[in-house]
Amino acid sequence: MLLGLLFILANKFDYKKTIIPHTVHSILGSLCIIAVIVQAYIGQSKIERLQETHRKIYRWHGDMGLLIWDLVCVTTVVGLASFLPYSFFSVLVLLLPLIACTVVHLQLQLSGYLRDDDTRSNSRDEGEWLVIAEGEDAETPPKGVKLFLDTE
């Protein structure tokens, strides 16, 4: 992401354009950058909290990642549409990010991450047991110990 941001800034300075977003593509791109930064911060907070308290928080974090992926795909299509001439080849090129987005959604659906009833195989509800697979240090219970998950 940092490399992409550097390319954007270099392009703006080369063509003496403002860095303030003013097109649909640049606004969506700015939203993508902000969302990725927020996602990284929330992910770091989630990891720290899980290591300290063994409690899961920010369960929407994975959904936000998928939303960011969708936004990146749309931003790519909008950018390509504003750059490419109108032709059959251009339509094929515009379909590539949409196909990639669809493939990711299909993979998540097939893996069980996306379900109609909004339950996920990687999350546990209140009252379920979690078995620790590994744990050698003093803070983690020994292997095989069952912990009751408190979802507050």
N, C-alpha and C. Protein backbone atom coordinates (compact mmCIF):
# COMPACT_ATOMS: atom_id res chain seq x y z
N MET A 1 0.82 -1.19 0.00
CA MET A 1 0.00 0.00 0.00
C MET A 1 0.88 1.26 0.00
N LEU A 2 1.94 1.21 0.77
CA LEU A 2 2.83 2.37 0.84
C LEU A 2 3.46 2.66 -0.52
N LEU A 3 3.85 1.60 -1.22
CA LEU A 3 4.43 1.77 -2.54
C LEU A 3 3.40 2.39 -3.51
N GLY A 4 2.16 1.92 -3.44
CA GLY A 4 1.10 2.49 -4.27
C GLY A 4 0.87 3.95 -3.96
N LEU A 5 0.89 4.30 -2.68
CA LEU A 5 0.71 5.69 -2.27
C LEU A 5 1.86 6.57 -2.78
N LEU A 6 3.07 6.02 -2.75
CA LEU A 6 4.22 6.77 -3.28
C LEU A 6 4.08 7.00 -4.79
N PHE A 7 3.60 6.00 -5.52
CA PHE A 7 3.37 6.17 -6.95
C PHE A 7 2.30 7.23 -7.22
N ILE A 8 1.25 7.22 -6.42
CA ILE A 8 0.18 8.22 -6.58
C ILE A 8 0.75 9.63 -6.37
N LEU A 9 1.50 9.79 -5.29
CA LEU A 9 2.07 11.11 -4.99
C LEU A 9 3.08 11.54 -6.06
N ALA A 10 3.90 10.61 -6.53
CA ALA A 10 4.87 10.94 -7.58
C ALA A 10 4.16 11.37 -8.86
N ASN A 11 3.07 10.68 -9.21
CA ASN A 11 2.29 11.04 -10.39
C ASN A 11 1.68 12.43 -10.23
N LYS A 12 1.17 12.72 -9.05
CA LYS A 12 0.55 14.03 -8.80
C LYS A 12 1.59 15.15 -8.94
N PHE A 13 2.78 14.92 -8.41
CA PHE A 13 3.82 15.95 -8.48
C PHE A 13 4.38 16.09 -9.89
N ASP A 14 4.52 14.97 -10.61
CA ASP A 14 5.01 15.02 -11.99
C ASP A 14 4.09 15.84 -12.90
N TYR A 15 2.80 15.64 -12.73
CA TYR A 15 1.83 16.33 -13.58
C TYR A 15 1.29 17.61 -12.95
N LYS A 16 1.89 17.99 -11.82
CA LYS A 16 1.52 19.22 -11.10
C LYS A 16 0.01 19.29 -10.84
N LYS A 17 -0.52 18.19 -10.32
CA LYS A 17 -1.94 18.12 -9.96
C LYS A 17 -2.07 18.18 -8.45
N THR A 18 -3.23 18.57 -7.99
CA THR A 18 -3.49 18.64 -6.56
C THR A 18 -3.62 17.23 -5.98
N ILE A 19 -3.26 17.08 -4.72
CA ILE A 19 -3.40 15.78 -4.08
C ILE A 19 -4.78 15.61 -3.45
N ILE A 20 -5.58 16.66 -3.50
CA ILE A 20 -6.94 16.58 -2.99
C ILE A 20 -7.79 15.80 -4.00
N PRO A 21 -8.45 14.72 -3.56
CA PRO A 21 -9.24 13.93 -4.50
C PRO A 21 -10.40 14.72 -5.09
N HIS A 22 -10.58 14.61 -6.40
CA HIS A 22 -11.67 15.34 -7.04
C HIS A 22 -12.42 14.51 -8.08
N THR A 23 -11.93 13.32 -8.39
CA THR A 23 -12.64 12.44 -9.29
C THR A 23 -13.23 11.28 -8.48
N VAL A 24 -14.13 10.55 -9.09
CA VAL A 24 -14.73 9.39 -8.40
C VAL A 24 -13.63 8.38 -8.06
N HIS A 25 -12.73 8.15 -8.99
CA HIS A 25 -11.65 7.20 -8.75
C HIS A 25 -10.75 7.64 -7.59
N SER A 26 -10.40 8.91 -7.56
CA SER A 26 -9.50 9.37 -6.49
C SER A 26 -10.20 9.39 -5.13
N ILE A 27 -11.49 9.69 -5.11
CA ILE A 27 -12.24 9.66 -3.85
C ILE A 27 -12.34 8.23 -3.33
N LEU A 28 -12.69 7.30 -4.22
CA LEU A 28 -12.77 5.90 -3.81
C LEU A 28 -11.39 5.38 -3.38
N GLY A 29 -10.34 5.78 -4.11
CA GLY A 29 -8.99 5.38 -3.73
C GLY A 29 -8.59 5.91 -2.36
N SER A 30 -8.97 7.14 -2.08
CA SER A 30 -8.68 7.72 -0.76
C SER A 30 -9.42 6.96 0.34
N LEU A 31 -10.67 6.61 0.06
CA LEU A 31 -11.44 5.81 1.02
C LEU A 31 -10.78 4.45 1.25
N CYS A 32 -10.25 3.85 0.18
CA CYS A 32 -9.55 2.57 0.32
C CYS A 32 -8.32 2.70 1.22
N ILE A 33 -7.55 3.75 1.00
CA ILE A 33 -6.34 3.95 1.80
C ILE A 33 -6.70 4.15 3.27
N ILE A 34 -7.69 4.98 3.54
CA ILE A 34 -8.13 5.22 4.92
C ILE A 34 -8.65 3.93 5.54
N ALA A 35 -9.44 3.17 4.79
CA ALA A 35 -10.00 1.92 5.31
C ALA A 35 -8.92 0.89 5.62
N VAL A 36 -7.89 0.81 4.79
CA VAL A 36 -6.79 -0.13 5.05
C VAL A 36 -6.03 0.28 6.31
N ILE A 37 -5.82 1.57 6.50
CA ILE A 37 -5.13 2.04 7.72
C ILE A 37 -5.97 1.71 8.95
N VAL A 38 -7.28 1.97 8.88
CA VAL A 38 -8.16 1.63 10.00
C VAL A 38 -8.16 0.12 10.24
N GLN A 39 -8.20 -0.66 9.16
CA GLN A 39 -8.21 -2.12 9.28
C GLN A 39 -6.93 -2.61 9.96
N ALA A 40 -5.80 -2.05 9.60
CA ALA A 40 -4.53 -2.45 10.22
C ALA A 40 -4.52 -2.09 11.71
N TYR A 41 -5.00 -0.91 12.05
CA TYR A 41 -5.04 -0.50 13.45
C TYR A 41 -5.97 -1.40 14.26
N ILE A 42 -7.16 -1.67 13.73
CA ILE A 42 -8.11 -2.53 14.43
C ILE A 42 -7.56 -3.94 14.55
N GLY A 43 -6.92 -4.44 13.51
CA GLY A 43 -6.32 -5.77 13.56
C GLY A 43 -5.24 -5.88 14.62
N GLN A 44 -4.41 -4.85 14.74
CA GLN A 44 -3.38 -4.85 15.77
C GLN A 44 -4.00 -4.81 17.16
N SER A 45 -5.04 -4.00 17.34
CA SER A 45 -5.74 -3.93 18.62
C SER A 45 -6.38 -5.27 18.96
N LYS A 46 -6.94 -5.92 17.95
CA LYS A 46 -7.59 -7.21 18.14
C LYS A 46 -6.58 -8.26 18.59
N ILE A 47 -5.41 -8.28 17.95
CA ILE A 47 -4.37 -9.25 18.32
C ILE A 47 -3.89 -9.00 19.74
N GLU A 48 -3.63 -7.74 20.08
CA GLU A 48 -3.16 -7.42 21.43
C GLU A 48 -4.17 -7.84 22.48
N ARG A 49 -5.44 -7.55 22.24
CA ARG A 49 -6.50 -7.90 23.20
C ARG A 49 -6.63 -9.42 23.33
N LEU A 50 -6.53 -10.14 22.23
CA LEU A 50 -6.63 -11.59 22.25
C LEU A 50 -5.47 -12.21 23.02
N GLN A 51 -4.27 -11.65 22.85
CA GLN A 51 -3.11 -12.16 23.57
C GLN A 51 -3.19 -11.87 25.07
N GLU A 52 -3.75 -10.71 25.42
CA GLU A 52 -3.83 -10.33 26.83
C GLU A 52 -4.96 -11.03 27.57
N THR A 53 -6.12 -11.10 26.96
CA THR A 53 -7.30 -11.58 27.68
C THR A 53 -7.91 -12.85 27.11
N HIS A 54 -7.43 -13.33 25.99
CA HIS A 54 -7.98 -14.49 25.30
C HIS A 54 -9.45 -14.29 24.95
N ARG A 55 -9.86 -13.04 24.75
CA ARG A 55 -11.23 -12.72 24.38
C ARG A 55 -11.24 -12.10 22.99
N LYS A 56 -12.19 -12.53 22.19
CA LYS A 56 -12.30 -12.00 20.83
C LYS A 56 -13.11 -10.71 20.84
N ILE A 57 -12.59 -9.71 20.15
CA ILE A 57 -13.30 -8.45 19.99
C ILE A 57 -13.27 -8.08 18.50
N TYR A 58 -14.02 -7.08 18.15
CA TYR A 58 -14.06 -6.58 16.77
C TYR A 58 -14.33 -7.71 15.77
N ARG A 59 -15.39 -8.44 16.00
CA ARG A 59 -15.73 -9.55 15.11
C ARG A 59 -16.06 -9.07 13.69
N TRP A 60 -16.33 -7.80 13.51
CA TRP A 60 -16.63 -7.24 12.21
C TRP A 60 -15.37 -7.00 11.38
N HIS A 61 -14.21 -7.24 11.97
CA HIS A 61 -12.93 -6.98 11.32
C HIS A 61 -12.81 -7.74 9.99
N GLY A 62 -13.18 -9.01 9.98
CA GLY A 62 -13.11 -9.80 8.75
C GLY A 62 -14.07 -9.30 7.69
N ASP A 63 -15.25 -8.89 8.13
CA ASP A 63 -16.23 -8.34 7.18
C ASP A 63 -15.71 -7.04 6.58
N MET A 64 -15.03 -6.24 7.39
CA MET A 64 -14.49 -4.99 6.88
C MET A 64 -13.40 -5.26 5.84
N GLY A 65 -12.61 -6.30 6.05
CA GLY A 65 -11.60 -6.67 5.06
C GLY A 65 -12.22 -7.02 3.73
N LEU A 66 -13.33 -7.75 3.76
CA LEU A 66 -14.01 -8.11 2.52
C LEU A 66 -14.64 -6.87 1.87
N LEU A 67 -15.16 -5.98 2.67
CA LEU A 67 -15.72 -4.74 2.14
C LEU A 67 -14.62 -3.89 1.49
N ILE A 68 -13.44 -3.85 2.11
CA ILE A 68 -12.32 -3.11 1.53
C ILE A 68 -11.93 -3.75 0.19
N TRP A 69 -11.90 -5.07 0.14
CA TRP A 69 -11.57 -5.76 -1.11
C TRP A 69 -12.56 -5.35 -2.21
N ASP A 70 -13.84 -5.34 -1.87
CA ASP A 70 -14.87 -4.94 -2.84
C ASP A 70 -14.65 -3.50 -3.30
N LEU A 71 -14.34 -2.63 -2.34
CA LEU A 71 -14.11 -1.22 -2.67
C LEU A 71 -12.87 -1.06 -3.57
N VAL A 72 -11.84 -1.84 -3.31
CA VAL A 72 -10.64 -1.79 -4.15
C VAL A 72 -10.97 -2.25 -5.57
N CYS A 73 -11.77 -3.30 -5.70
CA CYS A 73 -12.16 -3.78 -7.04
C CYS A 73 -12.97 -2.72 -7.79
N VAL A 74 -13.91 -2.10 -7.10
CA VAL A 74 -14.72 -1.04 -7.73
C VAL A 74 -13.83 0.14 -8.12
N THR A 75 -12.92 0.52 -7.24
CA THR A 75 -12.01 1.63 -7.52
C THR A 75 -11.15 1.32 -8.75
N THR A 76 -10.70 0.09 -8.86
CA THR A 76 -9.90 -0.32 -10.01
C THR A 76 -10.71 -0.21 -11.30
N VAL A 77 -11.95 -0.70 -11.26
CA VAL A 77 -12.80 -0.64 -12.46
C VAL A 77 -13.07 0.81 -12.84
N VAL A 78 -13.36 1.67 -11.86
CA VAL A 78 -13.63 3.08 -12.15
C VAL A 78 -12.39 3.75 -12.76
N GLY A 79 -11.21 3.44 -12.20
CA GLY A 79 -9.98 4.02 -12.74
C GLY A 79 -9.69 3.55 -14.15
N LEU A 80 -9.88 2.24 -14.39
CA LEU A 80 -9.65 1.72 -15.73
C LEU A 80 -10.66 2.28 -16.72
N ALA A 81 -11.91 2.42 -16.29
CA ALA A 81 -12.95 2.94 -17.19
C ALA A 81 -12.65 4.38 -17.61
N SER A 82 -12.05 5.15 -16.72
CA SER A 82 -11.74 6.53 -17.07
C SER A 82 -10.50 6.64 -17.95
N PHE A 83 -9.71 5.59 -18.02
CA PHE A 83 -8.45 5.62 -18.75
C PHE A 83 -8.55 4.92 -20.11
N LEU A 84 -9.24 3.79 -20.16
CA LEU A 84 -9.27 2.97 -21.37
C LEU A 84 -10.24 3.53 -22.41
N PRO A 85 -9.91 3.38 -23.67
CA PRO A 85 -10.86 3.78 -24.73
C PRO A 85 -12.00 2.75 -24.80
N TYR A 86 -13.08 3.12 -25.44
CA TYR A 86 -14.21 2.22 -25.57
C TYR A 86 -13.94 1.21 -26.68
N SER A 87 -13.80 -0.06 -26.27
CA SER A 87 -13.60 -1.14 -27.23
C SER A 87 -13.94 -2.46 -26.56
N PHE A 88 -13.98 -3.51 -27.35
CA PHE A 88 -14.25 -4.84 -26.81
C PHE A 88 -13.14 -5.25 -25.84
N PHE A 89 -11.90 -4.96 -26.19
CA PHE A 89 -10.76 -5.27 -25.33
C PHE A 89 -10.88 -4.56 -23.98
N SER A 90 -11.32 -3.32 -24.00
CA SER A 90 -11.50 -2.56 -22.76
C SER A 90 -12.53 -3.20 -21.85
N VAL A 91 -13.60 -3.69 -22.45
CA VAL A 91 -14.63 -4.38 -21.66
C VAL A 91 -14.04 -5.62 -20.99
N LEU A 92 -13.22 -6.36 -21.72
CA LEU A 92 -12.57 -7.53 -21.14
C LEU A 92 -11.66 -7.15 -19.98
N VAL A 93 -10.91 -6.08 -20.15
CA VAL A 93 -10.01 -5.62 -19.09
C VAL A 93 -10.82 -5.17 -17.87
N LEU A 94 -11.94 -4.50 -18.11
CA LEU A 94 -12.78 -4.05 -17.00
C LEU A 94 -13.42 -5.22 -16.25
N LEU A 95 -13.62 -6.32 -16.95
CA LEU A 95 -14.22 -7.48 -16.31
C LEU A 95 -13.25 -8.21 -15.37
N LEU A 96 -11.95 -8.07 -15.59
CA LEU A 96 -10.96 -8.79 -14.78
C LEU A 96 -11.07 -8.49 -13.28
N PRO A 97 -11.11 -7.23 -12.84
CA PRO A 97 -11.27 -6.99 -11.40
C PRO A 97 -12.60 -7.50 -10.86
N LEU A 98 -13.63 -7.42 -11.66
CA LEU A 98 -14.93 -7.92 -11.22
C LEU A 98 -14.93 -9.44 -11.09
N ILE A 99 -14.23 -10.11 -12.00
CA ILE A 99 -14.09 -11.56 -11.89
C ILE A 99 -13.27 -11.92 -10.66
N ALA A 100 -12.20 -11.19 -10.41
CA ALA A 100 -11.38 -11.45 -9.22
C ALA A 100 -12.20 -11.27 -7.95
N CYS A 101 -13.01 -10.23 -7.91
CA CYS A 101 -13.87 -9.97 -6.75
C CYS A 101 -14.86 -11.11 -6.56
N THR A 102 -15.45 -11.57 -7.65
CA THR A 102 -16.42 -12.66 -7.58
C THR A 102 -15.76 -13.96 -7.13
N VAL A 103 -14.55 -14.24 -7.61
CA VAL A 103 -13.84 -15.45 -7.22
C VAL A 103 -13.56 -15.45 -5.73
N VAL A 104 -13.14 -14.32 -5.19
CA VAL A 104 -12.88 -14.24 -3.74
C VAL A 104 -14.16 -14.51 -2.96
N HIS A 105 -15.27 -13.92 -3.39
CA HIS A 105 -16.53 -14.15 -2.70
C HIS A 105 -16.96 -15.62 -2.79
N LEU A 106 -16.76 -16.24 -3.94
CA LEU A 106 -17.10 -17.66 -4.09
C LEU A 106 -16.23 -18.54 -3.20
N GLN A 107 -14.94 -18.23 -3.13
CA GLN A 107 -14.05 -19.01 -2.26
C GLN A 107 -14.47 -18.88 -0.80
N LEU A 108 -14.83 -17.69 -0.39
CA LEU A 108 -15.26 -17.50 1.00
C LEU A 108 -16.59 -18.21 1.26
N GLN A 109 -17.47 -18.20 0.28
CA GLN A 109 -18.75 -18.90 0.42
C GLN A 109 -18.52 -20.41 0.53
N LEU A 110 -17.67 -20.95 -0.32
CA LEU A 110 -17.39 -22.39 -0.30
C LEU A 110 -16.65 -22.82 0.96
N SER A 111 -15.82 -21.94 1.52
CA SER A 111 -15.07 -22.29 2.72
C SER A 111 -15.93 -22.22 3.98
N GLY A 112 -17.12 -21.65 3.86
CA GLY A 112 -17.99 -21.55 5.02
C GLY A 112 -17.87 -20.24 5.76
N TYR A 113 -17.00 -19.35 5.29
CA TYR A 113 -16.87 -18.07 5.99
C TYR A 113 -18.12 -17.23 5.81
N LEU A 114 -18.66 -17.19 4.61
CA LEU A 114 -19.89 -16.45 4.35
C LEU A 114 -21.06 -17.42 4.43
N ARG A 115 -21.98 -17.15 5.32
CA ARG A 115 -23.17 -17.99 5.44
C ARG A 115 -24.40 -17.12 5.46
N ASP A 116 -25.50 -17.71 5.05
CA ASP A 116 -26.75 -16.96 5.02
C ASP A 116 -27.24 -16.60 6.41
N ASP A 117 -26.97 -17.46 7.40
CA ASP A 117 -27.46 -17.19 8.75
C ASP A 117 -26.49 -16.35 9.58
N ASP A 118 -25.47 -15.80 8.92
CA ASP A 118 -24.49 -14.91 9.54
C ASP A 118 -23.70 -15.56 10.67
N THR A 119 -23.55 -16.88 10.63
CA THR A 119 -22.65 -17.54 11.57
C THR A 119 -21.42 -17.94 10.80
N ARG A 120 -20.31 -17.87 11.44
CA ARG A 120 -19.05 -18.16 10.76
C ARG A 120 -18.33 -19.29 11.48
N SER A 121 -17.64 -20.08 10.70
CA SER A 121 -16.94 -21.22 11.26
C SER A 121 -15.73 -20.78 12.09
N ASN A 122 -15.26 -19.55 11.91
CA ASN A 122 -14.08 -19.11 12.65
C ASN A 122 -14.44 -18.28 13.88
N SER A 123 -15.71 -18.11 14.18
CA SER A 123 -16.09 -17.37 15.38
C SER A 123 -16.89 -18.27 16.29
N ARG A 124 -16.84 -17.99 17.57
CA ARG A 124 -17.54 -18.81 18.55
C ARG A 124 -18.50 -17.92 19.33
N ASP A 125 -19.67 -18.44 19.54
CA ASP A 125 -20.66 -17.69 20.30
C ASP A 125 -20.49 -17.94 21.79
N GLU A 126 -21.18 -17.14 22.56
CA GLU A 126 -21.15 -17.28 24.01
C GLU A 126 -21.63 -18.67 24.38
N GLY A 127 -20.91 -19.30 25.28
CA GLY A 127 -21.30 -20.62 25.74
C GLY A 127 -20.56 -21.75 25.05
N GLU A 128 -19.74 -21.46 24.06
CA GLU A 128 -18.99 -22.51 23.39
C GLU A 128 -17.63 -22.67 24.05
N TRP A 129 -17.03 -23.81 23.82
CA TRP A 129 -15.73 -24.12 24.39
C TRP A 129 -14.65 -23.98 23.36
N LEU A 130 -13.52 -23.51 23.79
CA LEU A 130 -12.34 -23.39 22.94
C LEU A 130 -11.26 -24.27 23.52
N VAL A 131 -10.72 -25.17 22.72
CA VAL A 131 -9.63 -26.03 23.17
C VAL A 131 -8.33 -25.44 22.67
N ILE A 132 -7.42 -25.19 23.59
CA ILE A 132 -6.12 -24.61 23.25
C ILE A 132 -5.27 -25.71 22.60
N ALA A 133 -4.79 -25.44 21.40
CA ALA A 133 -4.00 -26.42 20.68
C ALA A 133 -2.55 -26.44 21.16
N GLU A 134 -2.01 -25.29 21.48
CA GLU A 134 -0.63 -25.22 21.91
C GLU A 134 -0.52 -24.23 23.05
N GLY A 135 0.51 -24.34 23.82
CA GLY A 135 0.74 -23.39 24.88
C GLY A 135 1.86 -23.84 25.79
N GLU A 136 2.97 -23.19 25.69
CA GLU A 136 4.13 -23.55 26.49
C GLU A 136 4.45 -22.49 27.54
N ASP A 137 4.03 -21.25 27.30
CA ASP A 137 4.43 -20.19 28.24
C ASP A 137 3.45 -20.12 29.41
N ALA A 138 3.76 -19.30 30.39
CA ALA A 138 2.99 -19.23 31.63
C ALA A 138 1.62 -18.58 31.42
N GLU A 139 1.48 -17.72 30.42
CA GLU A 139 0.21 -17.02 30.22
C GLU A 139 -0.82 -17.88 29.50
N THR A 140 -0.40 -18.85 28.72
CA THR A 140 -1.31 -19.68 27.96
C THR A 140 -1.52 -20.99 28.71
N PRO A 141 -2.77 -21.43 28.83
CA PRO A 141 -3.01 -22.71 29.50
C PRO A 141 -2.34 -23.87 28.77
N PRO A 142 -2.09 -24.97 29.45
CA PRO A 142 -1.45 -26.11 28.79
C PRO A 142 -2.32 -26.69 27.68
N LYS A 143 -1.70 -27.44 26.81
CA LYS A 143 -2.38 -28.03 25.66
C LYS A 143 -3.55 -28.90 26.12
N GLY A 144 -4.68 -28.73 25.41
CA GLY A 144 -5.86 -29.54 25.70
C GLY A 144 -6.80 -28.98 26.73
N VAL A 145 -6.47 -27.87 27.37
CA VAL A 145 -7.33 -27.28 28.38
C VAL A 145 -8.50 -26.59 27.69
N LYS A 146 -9.71 -26.81 28.23
CA LYS A 146 -10.89 -26.17 27.66
C LYS A 146 -11.14 -24.85 28.39
N LEU A 147 -11.37 -23.82 27.61
CA LEU A 147 -11.68 -22.51 28.16
C LEU A 147 -13.09 -22.13 27.77
N PHE A 148 -13.82 -21.53 28.67
CA PHE A 148 -15.14 -21.02 28.35
C PHE A 148 -14.98 -19.62 27.83
N LEU A 149 -15.55 -19.34 26.65
CA LEU A 149 -15.39 -18.03 26.03
C LEU A 149 -16.45 -17.08 26.55
N ASP A 150 -15.98 -15.94 27.03
CA ASP A 150 -16.87 -14.88 27.46
C ASP A 150 -16.86 -13.83 26.37
N THR A 151 -18.00 -13.53 25.77
CA THR A 151 -18.05 -12.66 24.60
C THR A 151 -18.38 -11.21 24.93
N GLU A 152 -18.29 -10.82 26.15
CA GLU A 152 -18.58 -9.42 26.50
C GLU A 152 -17.48 -8.50 26.04
